[in-house]
Protein backbone atom coordinates (compact mmCIF):
# COMPACT_ATOMS: atom_id res chain seq x y z
CA MET A 1 -11.22 57.70 5.76
CA SER A 2 -9.39 54.91 7.61
CA LYS A 3 -9.74 54.49 11.38
CA PRO A 4 -6.09 55.43 12.11
CA ALA A 5 -6.51 58.64 10.08
CA VAL A 6 -9.68 59.53 12.02
CA ILE A 7 -7.92 58.97 15.35
CA PHE A 8 -5.02 61.15 14.31
CA ASP A 9 -7.36 63.85 13.03
CA ILE A 10 -9.15 64.02 16.38
CA TYR A 11 -5.91 64.07 18.31
CA PHE A 12 -4.18 66.68 16.17
CA THR A 13 -7.27 68.90 16.08
CA THR A 14 -7.88 68.94 19.81
CA GLY A 15 -4.39 68.27 21.15
CA PRO A 16 -1.22 70.33 21.30
CA PHE A 17 -0.23 69.50 17.71
CA ARG A 18 -2.72 71.75 15.93
CA SER A 19 -0.42 72.77 13.10
CA SER A 20 -1.92 71.55 9.81
CA LYS A 21 1.59 71.23 8.30
CA LEU A 22 2.83 69.10 11.18
CA LYS A 23 -0.37 67.09 11.08
CA LYS A 24 0.15 66.30 7.37
CA ILE A 25 3.74 65.20 7.97
CA ILE A 26 2.78 62.87 10.81
CA ARG A 27 -0.17 61.50 8.85
CA SER A 28 2.16 60.74 5.93
CA ILE A 29 4.60 58.96 8.23
CA THR A 30 1.73 57.00 9.78
CA THR A 31 0.45 55.94 6.36
CA LEU A 32 3.95 54.88 5.32
CA VAL A 33 4.33 52.81 8.48
CA LEU A 34 0.96 51.13 7.86
CA VAL A 35 1.89 50.32 4.24
CA ILE A 36 5.27 48.88 5.27
CA SER A 37 3.60 46.81 8.01
CA PHE A 38 1.06 45.49 5.53
CA LEU A 39 3.82 44.53 3.07
CA LEU A 40 5.77 42.79 5.82
CA VAL A 41 2.69 40.76 6.80
CA ILE A 42 2.08 39.76 3.19
CA SER A 43 5.72 38.85 2.59
CA GLY A 44 5.75 36.89 5.86
CA CYS A 45 2.75 34.87 4.71
CA ALA A 46 4.43 34.27 1.38
CA LEU A 47 7.62 33.13 3.11
CA GLN A 48 5.63 30.83 5.35
CA ASP A 49 3.88 29.37 2.33
CA PHE A 50 7.19 28.94 0.55
CA ASP A 51 8.68 27.30 3.61
CA ALA A 52 5.73 24.87 3.87
CA LYS A 53 6.17 23.90 0.25
CA ALA A 54 9.93 23.59 0.67
CA ARG A 55 9.38 21.32 3.67
CA ASN A 56 7.23 18.79 1.88
CA LEU A 57 9.33 15.70 2.57
CA ILE A 58 7.49 13.49 0.05
CA PRO A 59 8.42 13.57 -3.64
CA ASP A 60 5.74 14.63 -6.11
CA THR A 61 6.99 12.06 -8.60
CA PRO A 62 5.06 8.75 -8.46
CA GLY A 63 6.91 5.79 -7.02
CA THR A 64 8.58 3.07 -9.06
CA SER A 65 7.51 0.11 -6.92
CA PRO A 66 5.05 -2.08 -8.88
CA ASN A 67 2.20 -1.71 -6.40
CA TYR A 68 -1.39 -2.15 -7.47
CA TRP A 69 -5.00 -1.92 -6.46
CA CYS A 70 -6.92 -5.05 -7.45
CA THR A 71 -10.64 -5.24 -8.29
CA TRP A 72 -11.21 -8.55 -6.50
CA GLY A 73 -12.63 -7.22 -3.23
CA ALA A 74 -14.75 -4.55 -4.92
CA GLN A 75 -16.16 -6.75 -7.67
CA ASN A 76 -17.35 -9.36 -5.18
CA TYR A 77 -18.80 -6.78 -2.81
CA MET A 78 -21.10 -5.49 -5.56
CA TYR A 79 -23.29 -8.58 -5.22
CA GLY A 80 -26.13 -8.13 -2.72
CA GLN A 81 -25.92 -4.37 -2.35
CA GLY A 82 -29.29 -2.87 -1.47
CA GLU A 83 -30.90 -6.25 -0.77
CA ALA A 84 -33.14 -6.73 2.26
CA LYS A 85 -31.48 -10.06 3.09
CA LEU A 86 -28.35 -11.88 2.01
CA ASP A 87 -27.56 -15.53 2.71
CA PRO A 88 -23.91 -15.65 3.88
CA ILE A 89 -23.55 -19.11 2.36
CA LEU A 90 -23.69 -17.51 -1.09
CA LEU A 91 -20.51 -15.62 -0.23
CA ARG A 92 -18.39 -18.72 0.22
CA VAL A 93 -15.68 -19.20 -2.37
CA ASP A 94 -17.48 -22.15 -3.96
CA HIS A 95 -20.38 -19.82 -4.84
CA VAL A 96 -18.45 -16.71 -5.82
CA HIS A 97 -17.99 -17.93 -9.40
CA LYS A 98 -21.71 -17.35 -9.97
CA TYR A 99 -21.44 -13.57 -9.73
CA LYS A 100 -17.77 -12.49 -9.59
CA SER A 101 -17.76 -11.65 -13.32
CA ASP A 102 -21.11 -9.84 -13.37
CA SER A 103 -19.79 -6.63 -11.82
CA MET A 104 -16.70 -6.40 -14.04
CA THR A 105 -18.32 -3.82 -16.29
CA GLU A 106 -17.35 -0.54 -17.89
CA GLU A 107 -19.91 1.32 -15.78
CA ASN A 108 -18.67 -0.10 -12.47
CA MET A 109 -15.06 0.67 -13.32
CA PHE A 110 -15.24 3.89 -15.31
CA GLY A 111 -18.68 5.39 -14.66
CA PRO A 112 -19.17 8.56 -12.56
CA LYS A 113 -19.11 6.46 -9.36
CA GLY A 114 -16.75 3.83 -10.74
CA TRP A 115 -13.79 2.32 -8.96
CA ALA A 116 -11.20 3.81 -11.30
CA THR A 117 -13.03 7.15 -11.19
CA THR A 118 -13.27 7.54 -7.42
CA PHE A 119 -10.80 5.32 -5.53
CA PHE A 120 -7.43 6.49 -4.11
CA PRO A 121 -7.12 9.84 -5.89
CA LYS A 122 -4.00 10.79 -3.92
CA VAL A 123 -1.88 7.77 -4.91
CA ARG A 124 -3.51 6.29 -7.98
CA GLN A 125 -0.65 7.62 -10.12
CA ASP A 126 1.60 5.20 -8.18
CA LEU A 127 -0.72 2.19 -8.62
CA PHE A 128 -1.57 -0.21 -11.39
CA PHE A 129 -5.32 -0.85 -11.70
CA VAL A 130 -5.42 -4.66 -11.88
CA LEU A 131 -8.50 -6.37 -13.32
CA ASP A 132 -8.97 -9.68 -11.54
CA ASP A 133 -10.67 -12.93 -12.54
CA GLY A 134 -13.81 -12.30 -14.57
CA TRP A 135 -12.64 -9.25 -16.51
CA ASP A 136 -12.73 -11.09 -19.85
CA ILE A 137 -15.78 -13.28 -19.15
CA PRO A 138 -18.96 -12.35 -21.13
CA VAL A 139 -22.36 -11.75 -19.58
CA SER A 140 -23.25 -15.38 -20.31
CA ASN A 141 -20.63 -16.37 -17.67
CA ASP A 142 -19.06 -18.72 -20.21
CA TYR A 143 -15.65 -19.46 -18.71
CA SER A 144 -14.33 -20.92 -21.94
CA TYR A 145 -13.46 -17.26 -22.69
CA ARG A 146 -11.11 -16.99 -19.68
CA ASN A 147 -7.63 -15.86 -20.76
CA LEU A 148 -8.75 -15.03 -24.28
CA GLY A 149 -8.48 -11.39 -23.22
CA ASP A 150 -11.45 -10.01 -25.14
CA LEU A 151 -13.81 -7.39 -23.70
CA ASP A 152 -17.45 -8.38 -23.99
CA PRO A 153 -19.31 -5.65 -25.95
CA LYS A 154 -22.29 -5.88 -23.59
CA LYS A 155 -20.10 -5.26 -20.53
CA TYR A 156 -17.74 -2.78 -22.22
CA PRO A 157 -19.81 -1.03 -24.92
CA SER A 158 -17.33 1.83 -25.49
CA PHE A 159 -14.40 -0.41 -26.39
CA LYS A 160 -14.27 -1.29 -30.09
CA GLY A 161 -12.10 -3.21 -32.54
CA THR A 162 -9.70 -6.11 -32.13
CA ILE A 163 -8.53 -7.44 -28.77
CA PRO A 164 -5.26 -5.45 -28.80
CA GLU A 165 -7.14 -2.32 -29.89
CA LYS A 166 -9.51 -2.75 -26.93
CA TRP A 167 -6.53 -3.22 -24.61
CA SER A 168 -5.07 0.06 -25.82
CA GLN A 169 -8.36 1.87 -25.21
CA LEU A 170 -8.67 0.25 -21.77
CA ASN A 171 -5.20 1.34 -20.69
CA ALA A 172 -5.63 4.85 -22.09
CA ARG A 173 -8.97 5.25 -20.30
CA THR A 174 -7.41 4.21 -17.00
CA GLN A 175 -4.38 6.45 -17.36
CA ALA A 176 -6.62 9.39 -18.27
CA LEU A 177 -8.15 9.01 -14.80
CA GLY A 178 -4.69 9.32 -13.24
CA TRP A 179 -3.75 5.69 -12.63
CA ARG A 180 -0.34 4.25 -13.52
CA GLY A 181 -2.05 1.93 -15.97
CA ILE A 182 -3.90 -1.34 -16.33
CA GLY A 183 -2.82 -4.71 -14.97
CA LEU A 184 -4.40 -7.98 -16.09
CA TRP A 185 -5.17 -11.23 -14.26
CA PHE A 186 -4.42 -14.51 -16.03
CA ARG A 187 -3.97 -18.19 -15.44
CA THR A 188 -1.53 -20.28 -17.42
CA VAL A 189 -4.22 -22.21 -19.31
CA GLU A 190 -5.05 -21.05 -22.84
CA SER A 191 -8.65 -20.15 -23.65
CA ALA A 192 -10.89 -22.94 -24.93
CA GLN A 193 -12.23 -20.40 -27.43
CA ASP A 194 -8.91 -20.74 -29.28
CA LYS A 195 -9.33 -24.51 -29.66
CA GLU A 196 -9.52 -24.46 -33.47
CA ARG A 197 -6.17 -22.74 -33.86
CA LYS A 198 -4.61 -25.07 -31.29
CA GLU A 199 -5.75 -28.13 -33.23
CA LYS A 200 -4.53 -26.63 -36.50
CA ILE A 201 -1.02 -26.03 -35.12
CA GLY A 202 -0.87 -29.49 -33.60
CA ASN A 203 2.24 -28.97 -31.46
CA GLN A 204 1.37 -27.98 -27.87
CA GLN A 205 4.63 -26.21 -27.05
CA ARG A 206 4.63 -24.27 -30.31
CA TYR A 207 1.01 -23.29 -29.74
CA GLU A 208 1.67 -22.07 -26.19
CA ARG A 209 4.56 -19.90 -27.32
CA LEU A 210 2.44 -18.39 -30.08
CA TYR A 211 -0.55 -17.83 -27.79
CA TRP A 212 1.32 -16.11 -24.97
CA GLY A 213 3.76 -14.36 -27.27
CA GLU A 214 0.96 -12.50 -29.00
CA ARG A 215 -0.47 -11.41 -25.64
CA PHE A 216 2.90 -10.05 -24.54
CA LYS A 217 2.97 -8.17 -27.84
CA TRP A 218 -0.51 -6.77 -27.18
CA SER A 219 0.64 -5.60 -23.74
CA LYS A 220 3.65 -3.88 -25.25
CA ASP A 221 1.60 -2.16 -27.94
CA SER A 222 -1.06 -1.02 -25.46
CA GLY A 223 1.36 -0.10 -22.64
CA ILE A 224 -0.23 -2.52 -20.17
CA GLY A 225 2.60 -3.01 -17.69
CA TYR A 226 1.49 -5.61 -15.12
CA TRP A 227 0.34 -9.23 -15.27
CA LYS A 228 -1.00 -11.02 -12.20
CA MET A 229 -0.50 -14.69 -13.10
CA ASP A 230 -2.59 -16.56 -10.54
CA VAL A 231 -0.82 -19.91 -10.35
CA GLY A 232 1.08 -21.99 -7.87
CA GLY A 233 3.06 -24.64 -9.76
CA GLU A 234 3.90 -25.11 -13.45
CA ASN A 235 7.42 -23.74 -13.20
CA GLU A 236 8.37 -24.95 -16.67
CA LYS A 237 5.53 -23.03 -18.26
CA ILE A 238 6.28 -19.93 -16.19
CA ALA A 239 9.91 -20.14 -17.34
CA MET A 240 8.74 -20.29 -20.96
CA MET A 241 6.50 -17.26 -20.43
CA MET A 242 9.30 -15.27 -18.80
CA GLU A 243 11.58 -16.05 -21.72
CA LEU A 244 8.95 -14.66 -24.08
CA LYS A 245 8.34 -11.65 -21.85
CA LYS A 246 12.00 -10.71 -21.79
CA LYS A 247 12.23 -10.91 -25.57
CA ILE A 248 8.99 -9.11 -26.35
CA PHE A 249 8.23 -6.71 -23.48
CA ASN A 250 10.82 -6.85 -20.71
CA ASP A 251 9.38 -3.76 -18.96
CA LEU A 252 6.20 -5.66 -18.12
CA VAL A 253 6.07 -6.76 -14.47
CA PHE A 254 5.24 -10.47 -14.39
CA GLU A 255 3.86 -11.69 -11.04
CA THR A 256 3.14 -15.25 -10.01
CA GLY A 257 2.04 -16.83 -6.74
CA LEU A 258 3.79 -19.01 -4.20
CA ILE A 259 1.15 -21.15 -2.50
CA PRO A 260 2.06 -22.04 1.11
CA PRO A 261 0.86 -25.25 2.78
CA GLY A 262 -2.44 -24.67 4.52
CA ALA A 263 -3.31 -21.50 2.58
CA PRO A 264 -5.09 -19.18 3.30
CA PHE A 265 -3.58 -19.92 6.72
CA ASN A 266 -0.17 -21.26 7.73
CA LYS A 267 -1.17 -23.74 10.42
CA ILE A 268 2.38 -23.79 11.71
CA PRO A 269 2.94 -24.41 15.45
CA GLU A 270 4.57 -21.71 17.50
CA GLY A 271 8.22 -21.11 16.76
CA MET A 272 8.42 -23.08 13.51
CA LEU A 273 9.18 -21.90 10.00
CA TYR A 274 7.74 -23.51 6.91
CA ASN A 275 8.61 -26.97 5.70
CA GLN A 276 11.35 -27.52 3.16
CA ASP A 277 8.97 -27.97 0.22
CA PHE A 278 7.71 -24.40 0.59
CA ILE A 279 11.25 -23.07 0.78
CA GLU A 280 12.37 -25.05 -2.27
CA ASN A 281 9.36 -23.88 -4.27
CA GLY A 282 10.25 -20.34 -3.32
CA ARG A 283 13.88 -20.92 -4.30
CA THR A 284 12.79 -21.84 -7.82
CA ARG A 285 10.04 -19.28 -8.26
CA LEU A 286 12.12 -16.31 -7.10
CA THR A 287 14.55 -16.96 -9.93
CA LEU A 288 11.82 -17.04 -12.57
CA THR A 289 9.60 -14.00 -12.20
CA ASP A 290 9.63 -10.29 -11.36
CA ALA A 291 7.30 -10.46 -8.36
CA ILE A 292 5.94 -13.23 -6.13
CA ARG A 293 2.56 -12.91 -4.48
CA LEU A 294 2.80 -14.66 -1.12
CA TYR A 295 -0.77 -15.70 -1.71
CA ASP A 296 -4.16 -15.65 -0.04
CA ILE A 297 -4.64 -14.50 3.55
CA SER A 298 -7.57 -13.67 5.80
CA PRO A 299 -8.42 -10.07 6.75
CA GLN A 300 -8.62 -11.24 10.35
CA LEU A 301 -5.19 -12.82 10.78
CA GLY A 302 -3.39 -11.46 7.73
CA ASN A 303 -0.59 -9.68 9.61
CA ALA A 304 0.73 -12.82 11.32
CA THR A 305 0.05 -15.09 8.34
CA MET A 306 1.89 -12.91 5.84
CA LEU A 307 4.72 -11.97 8.17
CA LEU A 308 5.66 -15.62 8.70
CA ARG A 309 5.68 -16.28 4.95
CA PHE A 310 7.77 -13.19 4.24
CA ALA A 311 10.23 -13.91 7.05
CA THR A 312 10.66 -17.52 5.94
CA ILE A 313 11.43 -16.76 2.31
CA THR A 314 13.73 -13.80 2.94
CA GLU A 315 15.68 -15.49 5.75
CA LYS A 316 16.15 -18.84 4.03
CA LEU A 317 16.94 -17.45 0.57
CA GLN A 318 18.84 -14.27 1.43
CA HIS A 319 22.16 -15.70 0.20
CA GLN A 320 20.81 -17.03 -3.10
CA SER A 321 22.20 -14.65 -5.71
CA ASP A 322 19.42 -15.16 -8.27
CA ALA A 323 16.49 -15.01 -5.80
CA ASP A 324 15.93 -11.40 -6.79
CA ALA A 325 12.16 -11.17 -7.26
CA LEU A 326 10.07 -8.70 -5.28
CA LEU A 327 7.69 -10.10 -2.67
CA ASP A 328 4.03 -9.01 -2.75
CA VAL A 329 2.39 -9.08 0.70
CA GLU A 330 -1.06 -8.07 -0.60
CA GLU A 331 -3.16 -6.11 1.92
CA GLU A 332 -0.54 -5.82 4.65
CA VAL A 333 0.56 -2.34 3.58
CA TYR A 334 2.52 -1.36 6.70
CA LEU A 335 4.39 -4.65 6.52
CA ALA A 336 5.29 -3.70 2.94
CA ALA A 337 6.37 -0.21 3.98
CA ALA A 338 8.52 -1.47 6.85
CA LEU A 339 10.18 -4.39 5.06
CA GLY A 340 10.43 -3.27 1.43
CA ALA A 341 7.73 -5.52 -0.06
CA THR A 342 5.18 -4.64 -2.73
CA MET A 343 1.44 -4.29 -2.22
CA GLY A 344 -1.57 -5.89 -3.90
CA ILE A 345 -4.35 -3.79 -2.35
CA PHE A 346 -7.97 -5.02 -2.17
CA ARG A 347 -9.60 -2.58 0.25
CA SER A 348 -11.94 0.14 -0.94
CA PRO A 349 -14.28 2.76 0.54
CA MET A 350 -17.37 0.63 -0.25
CA ILE A 351 -18.85 -0.17 3.15
CA GLY A 352 -22.33 -0.51 4.65
CA LEU A 353 -23.98 -1.24 1.30
CA ARG A 354 -25.08 -4.80 2.07
CA PRO A 355 -27.80 -5.79 4.55
CA ASP A 356 -26.82 -5.97 8.21
CA PRO A 357 -24.26 -7.14 9.33
CA ASP A 358 -22.71 -6.00 6.03
CA PRO A 359 -20.84 -9.28 5.29
CA ASP A 360 -17.65 -9.12 3.23
CA ILE A 361 -15.73 -12.38 3.04
CA PHE A 362 -12.58 -10.72 1.70
CA LEU A 363 -12.26 -7.57 3.82
CA LYS A 364 -14.35 -7.85 6.99
CA GLY A 365 -12.62 -8.36 10.31
CA PRO A 366 -11.52 -6.79 13.58
CA ARG A 367 -9.19 -4.31 11.82
CA ASN A 368 -12.00 -2.88 9.65
CA LEU A 369 -9.71 -2.60 6.63
CA LYS A 370 -12.18 -0.56 4.59
CA LYS A 371 -11.91 2.16 7.22
CA ARG A 372 -8.12 2.12 6.88
CA LEU A 373 -7.62 3.77 3.52
CA ASP A 374 -5.16 6.36 4.88
CA GLU A 375 -2.76 3.49 5.61
CA VAL A 376 -2.66 2.73 1.89
CA VAL A 377 -1.88 6.36 1.09
CA ARG A 378 0.89 6.51 3.70
CA ALA A 379 2.51 3.23 2.70
CA VAL A 380 2.43 3.98 -1.02
CA ARG A 381 3.83 7.49 -0.55
CA TRP A 382 6.61 6.15 1.69
CA GLN A 383 7.71 3.95 -1.19
CA ARG A 384 8.28 7.06 -3.28
CA ILE A 385 11.14 7.60 -0.82
CA ALA A 386 12.07 3.96 -0.12
CA PRO A 387 11.06 1.67 -3.02
CA ALA A 388 10.42 -2.04 -2.60
CA PHE A 389 13.58 -4.14 -2.98
CA ALA A 390 14.49 -7.69 -3.95
CA ALA A 391 14.11 -10.66 -1.61
CA ASN A 392 17.89 -11.19 -1.46
CA ALA A 393 18.95 -7.52 -1.44
CA VAL A 394 20.06 -7.18 2.20
CA PRO A 395 20.75 -9.45 5.21
CA VAL A 396 17.71 -10.59 7.19
CA GLU A 397 17.32 -11.09 10.94
CA VAL A 398 14.40 -13.09 12.34
CA ASP A 399 13.47 -13.36 16.00
CA THR A 400 13.32 -16.81 17.58
CA ASN A 401 10.45 -15.61 19.78
CA TYR A 402 7.04 -16.01 18.17
CA LEU A 403 3.76 -14.23 18.87
CA ILE A 404 0.39 -15.89 18.30
CA ASP A 405 -2.68 -14.12 16.93
CA THR A 406 -6.09 -15.78 17.26
CA TRP A 407 -9.57 -15.33 15.85
CA LYS A 408 -12.88 -17.15 16.14
CA PHE A 409 -14.56 -17.11 12.74
CA LYS A 410 -18.26 -16.45 12.49
CA LYS A 411 -20.54 -17.73 9.73
CA GLY A 412 -20.29 -15.60 6.59
CA GLU A 413 -17.22 -13.75 7.85
CA PHE A 414 -14.63 -15.35 5.58
CA TRP A 415 -14.67 -17.28 2.32
CA TYR A 416 -12.86 -20.32 3.76
CA SER A 417 -15.90 -22.02 5.30
CA LYS A 418 -13.89 -24.80 7.01
CA VAL A 419 -12.98 -22.41 9.85
CA GLU A 420 -16.52 -21.30 10.72
CA GLY A 421 -17.06 -21.54 14.47
CA LYS A 422 -13.40 -22.35 15.13
CA ILE A 423 -10.59 -20.46 16.82
CA VAL A 424 -7.66 -20.26 14.42
CA LYS A 425 -4.13 -19.51 15.65
CA GLU A 426 -1.44 -17.95 13.48
CA SER A 427 2.12 -17.34 14.68
CA ALA A 428 4.91 -15.11 13.40
CA PRO A 429 8.31 -13.83 14.61
CA ALA A 430 8.04 -11.01 17.13
CA ARG A 431 10.78 -9.04 15.30
CA VAL A 432 12.00 -9.08 11.71
CA THR A 433 14.59 -6.77 10.17
CA ARG A 434 16.31 -6.35 6.80
CA GLY A 435 19.69 -4.65 6.73
CA LEU A 436 19.48 -3.77 10.44
CA PRO A 437 19.97 -5.57 13.78
CA LEU A 438 16.89 -6.68 15.69
CA PRO A 439 15.64 -3.80 17.86
CA ARG A 440 15.33 -3.98 21.63
CA VAL A 441 11.71 -4.05 22.74
CA SER A 442 10.12 -3.57 26.15
CA CYS A 443 6.37 -3.78 26.66
CA LYS A 444 3.93 -4.61 29.42
CA GLY A 445 1.39 -7.25 28.47
CA GLU A 446 0.94 -8.26 24.84
CA MET A 447 3.81 -7.34 22.51
CA PRO A 448 3.42 -5.82 19.05
CA PHE A 449 5.25 -7.15 16.01
CA ILE A 450 8.28 -4.90 15.41
CA LEU A 451 9.63 -4.68 11.85
CA ALA A 452 12.44 -2.56 10.43
CA SER A 453 14.68 -2.25 7.39
CA ARG A 454 17.38 -0.17 5.80
CA ASN A 455 16.53 0.36 2.17
CA PRO A 456 19.41 -0.06 -0.31
CA ASN A 457 19.12 3.72 -0.88
CA GLY A 458 19.76 4.36 2.84
CA ALA A 459 16.23 5.18 4.04
CA ILE A 460 15.18 3.53 7.30
CA SER A 461 11.68 2.29 8.10
CA ILE A 462 10.29 0.85 11.30
CA ALA A 463 6.79 -0.32 12.19
CA SER A 464 4.92 -1.44 15.27
CA ILE A 465 2.22 -3.80 14.01
CA GLY A 466 -0.86 -4.48 16.09
CA ARG A 467 -2.19 -7.83 17.21
CA VAL A 468 -5.49 -9.68 16.75
CA LEU A 469 -6.86 -11.70 19.67
CA HIS A 470 -10.25 -13.38 19.56
CA ASP A 471 -11.24 -12.09 23.00
CA LYS A 472 -9.99 -8.52 22.45
CA GLY A 473 -10.17 -7.78 18.72
CA TYR A 474 -7.46 -5.64 17.15
CA ILE A 475 -5.12 -4.13 19.74
CA THR A 476 -2.14 -1.82 19.34
CA PRO A 477 0.31 -2.39 22.24
CA GLU A 478 2.67 0.53 22.78
CA ALA A 479 6.24 -0.59 23.39
CA ASP A 480 9.55 1.09 24.15
CA VAL A 481 11.62 0.29 21.07
CA THR A 482 15.33 0.98 20.54
CA LEU A 483 16.84 0.54 17.09
CA GLU A 484 20.60 0.58 16.43
CA ALA A 485 20.50 2.51 13.17
CA GLY A 486 24.24 2.90 12.59
CA SER A 487 23.92 6.14 10.63
CA ILE A 488 20.95 8.14 9.48
CA ASP A 489 21.66 10.01 6.27
CA ALA A 490 18.25 9.58 4.64
CA PRO A 491 14.58 9.87 5.66
CA VAL A 492 13.07 7.64 8.34
CA GLY A 493 9.57 6.18 7.99
CA ILE A 494 7.74 5.37 11.23
CA PHE A 495 4.48 3.37 11.29
CA GLY A 496 2.15 2.37 14.10
CA TYR A 497 1.86 3.12 17.81
CA PHE A 498 4.86 3.32 20.16
CA LYS A 499 5.42 4.29 23.77
CA ASN A 500 8.82 5.64 22.78
CA LEU A 501 11.07 5.04 19.79
CA THR A 502 14.80 5.52 20.32
CA LEU A 503 17.24 5.62 17.41
CA GLU A 504 20.88 4.96 18.27
CA VAL A 505 23.56 6.04 15.79
CA ASP A 506 27.29 5.46 15.64
CA LYS A 507 28.32 9.00 16.64
CA PRO A 508 26.77 11.91 18.58
CA PHE A 509 24.03 13.78 16.78
CA GLY A 510 25.38 17.24 17.54
CA LYS A 511 23.18 20.19 16.64
CA VAL A 512 20.31 19.09 14.44
CA SER A 513 16.86 20.18 13.31
CA ILE A 514 14.24 17.47 13.02
CA TRP A 515 11.29 17.69 10.65
CA ALA A 516 8.38 15.29 10.41
CA GLN A 517 5.30 14.91 8.26
CA ASP A 518 2.20 12.77 8.05
CA LEU A 519 2.80 10.56 5.01
CA ALA A 520 -0.75 11.33 3.93
CA GLY A 521 -0.05 15.08 4.04
CA ASP A 522 1.97 17.62 2.09
CA SER A 523 3.53 19.82 4.76
CA ALA A 524 6.25 19.11 7.32
CA ILE A 525 6.60 20.60 10.79
CA GLU A 526 9.65 20.94 13.00
CA ILE A 527 9.60 18.62 16.04
CA THR A 528 13.10 19.32 17.41
CA ASP A 529 11.70 20.65 20.71
CA ARG A 530 9.43 17.61 21.14
CA VAL A 531 12.16 14.95 21.04
CA THR A 532 15.12 14.20 23.30
CA ILE A 533 18.69 14.05 22.00
CA SER A 534 21.41 12.69 24.26
CA GLY A 535 24.74 11.96 22.64
CA ASN A 536 24.09 9.35 19.97
CA LYS A 537 20.48 8.69 20.98
CA LEU A 538 17.34 10.30 19.60
CA LYS A 539 14.19 9.54 21.59
CA ILE A 540 10.80 10.20 19.99
CA PRO A 541 7.77 9.97 22.30
CA GLY A 542 4.92 7.86 21.00
CA GLU A 543 2.52 10.77 21.33
CA VAL A 544 4.62 12.76 18.85
CA ILE A 545 4.50 9.88 16.35
CA SER A 546 0.73 9.65 16.76
CA ASP A 547 0.17 13.41 16.62
CA VAL A 548 2.23 13.87 13.46
CA GLY A 549 1.39 10.54 11.84
CA LEU A 550 -2.36 11.15 12.13
CA SER A 551 -2.33 14.93 11.67
CA VAL A 552 -4.17 14.88 8.34
CA ALA A 553 -6.27 11.77 8.96
CA THR A 554 -9.42 11.53 6.90
CA PRO A 555 -12.53 11.96 9.10
CA GLY A 556 -13.80 8.53 10.10
CA ASP A 557 -10.60 6.75 9.04
CA ILE A 558 -9.09 4.57 11.78
CA SER A 559 -5.67 3.90 10.26
CA ASP A 560 -2.60 3.53 12.44
CA PRO A 561 -0.11 6.46 12.28
CA GLY A 562 2.48 6.79 9.56
CA MET A 563 5.05 9.57 9.29
CA VAL A 564 8.34 10.46 7.61
CA MET A 565 11.13 12.17 9.54
CA VAL A 566 14.26 13.98 8.35
CA ILE A 567 17.27 14.91 10.52
CA GLU A 568 19.17 17.98 9.33
CA HIS A 569 22.58 18.87 10.74
CA ARG A 570 23.02 22.57 11.46
């Protein structure tokens, strides 16, 4: 017998209500009340669950932006794992060629602990899995095979048949693990292994068209949708390749690089943009290809380095009607989220596997990028809402005030050995916007970089990007930021640390409900009572942005906050 029934039995046996008939009636009523209460509780839980699902502000459908994770950082970090000692000199770029191909194996990519098997499960459906330099080099490390595109049977024992048949198996294997598909790294030089056919054809231009045309055909037949063409110049050859691509497999995303002077750094004095040669090279390249990688950066100073390159190209070429390529800012994922760029991600969860001090010439630095995997998730999921957009899509505003980041490079810390023991300075505009006016910023001490954009679909994004100083490391200044947003009819993405963020619109807000969600999570919460609305101004305290934007942070992850917000009119 239930506890309520026992209580009622005692009361009705000893109390004034001793009538068995009355006791049965009251017990029946009590039971009915308990059943109704139970049903109400259950239905309330169901409604709450329904409401949580209904308030997921992030689409389930993978994004369309051609973002990718690239094997380069992981494949080079495999060397030296588990060793008692590791000479940092062997990690310099002029030594990397000795081992960079060794780890590009089926087991390392697709085994139980492989990169494709374990990395980025929450957003891999949005990302191409790009195989970098060394993927088609045999175990003999014979680089005459580069660009042939074959998979060495000793490195990839499960893949059989012709080259295009192996490509099909490779792409299918990757997609079966949930990724968007395979991407392939190339250079514009044909493989020396095809020398006999080249000599037989005799005509260089005819041979090149045949060679690359068949590889575009293989990509089409296998569904491989991304090429990372690692090259700086050779515009005529790139133009020929793009012509072939459009005829054979126009859906393939063809990326090339734009090499800045001084790469992997900018070496530009404070307040200066790039020289005219860089701008003119960009003018040509943006008309030729689908995406432009703004090239190599350091993990230490990457924010400032990449921001200056991006700001230069978009500001100087914003009125060029055919400069419509996407810009790839590599590892700077919050820069991509805030300004509508694409991402070429290197970071991975592999950390602490080399002897102390765990050197990693591609990912080590004061930001500890390999402990910032949630940032990747947040940035990629934001682009489901606000996809990357062309370099010339919207007007660009660039601050005339520049901030300078600095870092003193230790031995074995970065692949560019010329900077060892030196303090390197990199400058970039303090504020950059696309489709929006420059925000007003107030901050005591060091200022953050403030970036914002209005996506062509109406979504607004804004980011406060931290600074790197050689005597302080990575810092995240919290500023009061006011953005004149005009109107807000679509979601708002907010990234980084703020003291307060104020959004000004062109008419009073009226009665609204405001919902927000960690971009790494799947459930929104209402924050209306935690913000201040006064006329046409909406003020969001920095602590709210941090609380929401880190609410589902992975334990041990040190990513900066990232959240999406929706304003609903009542």
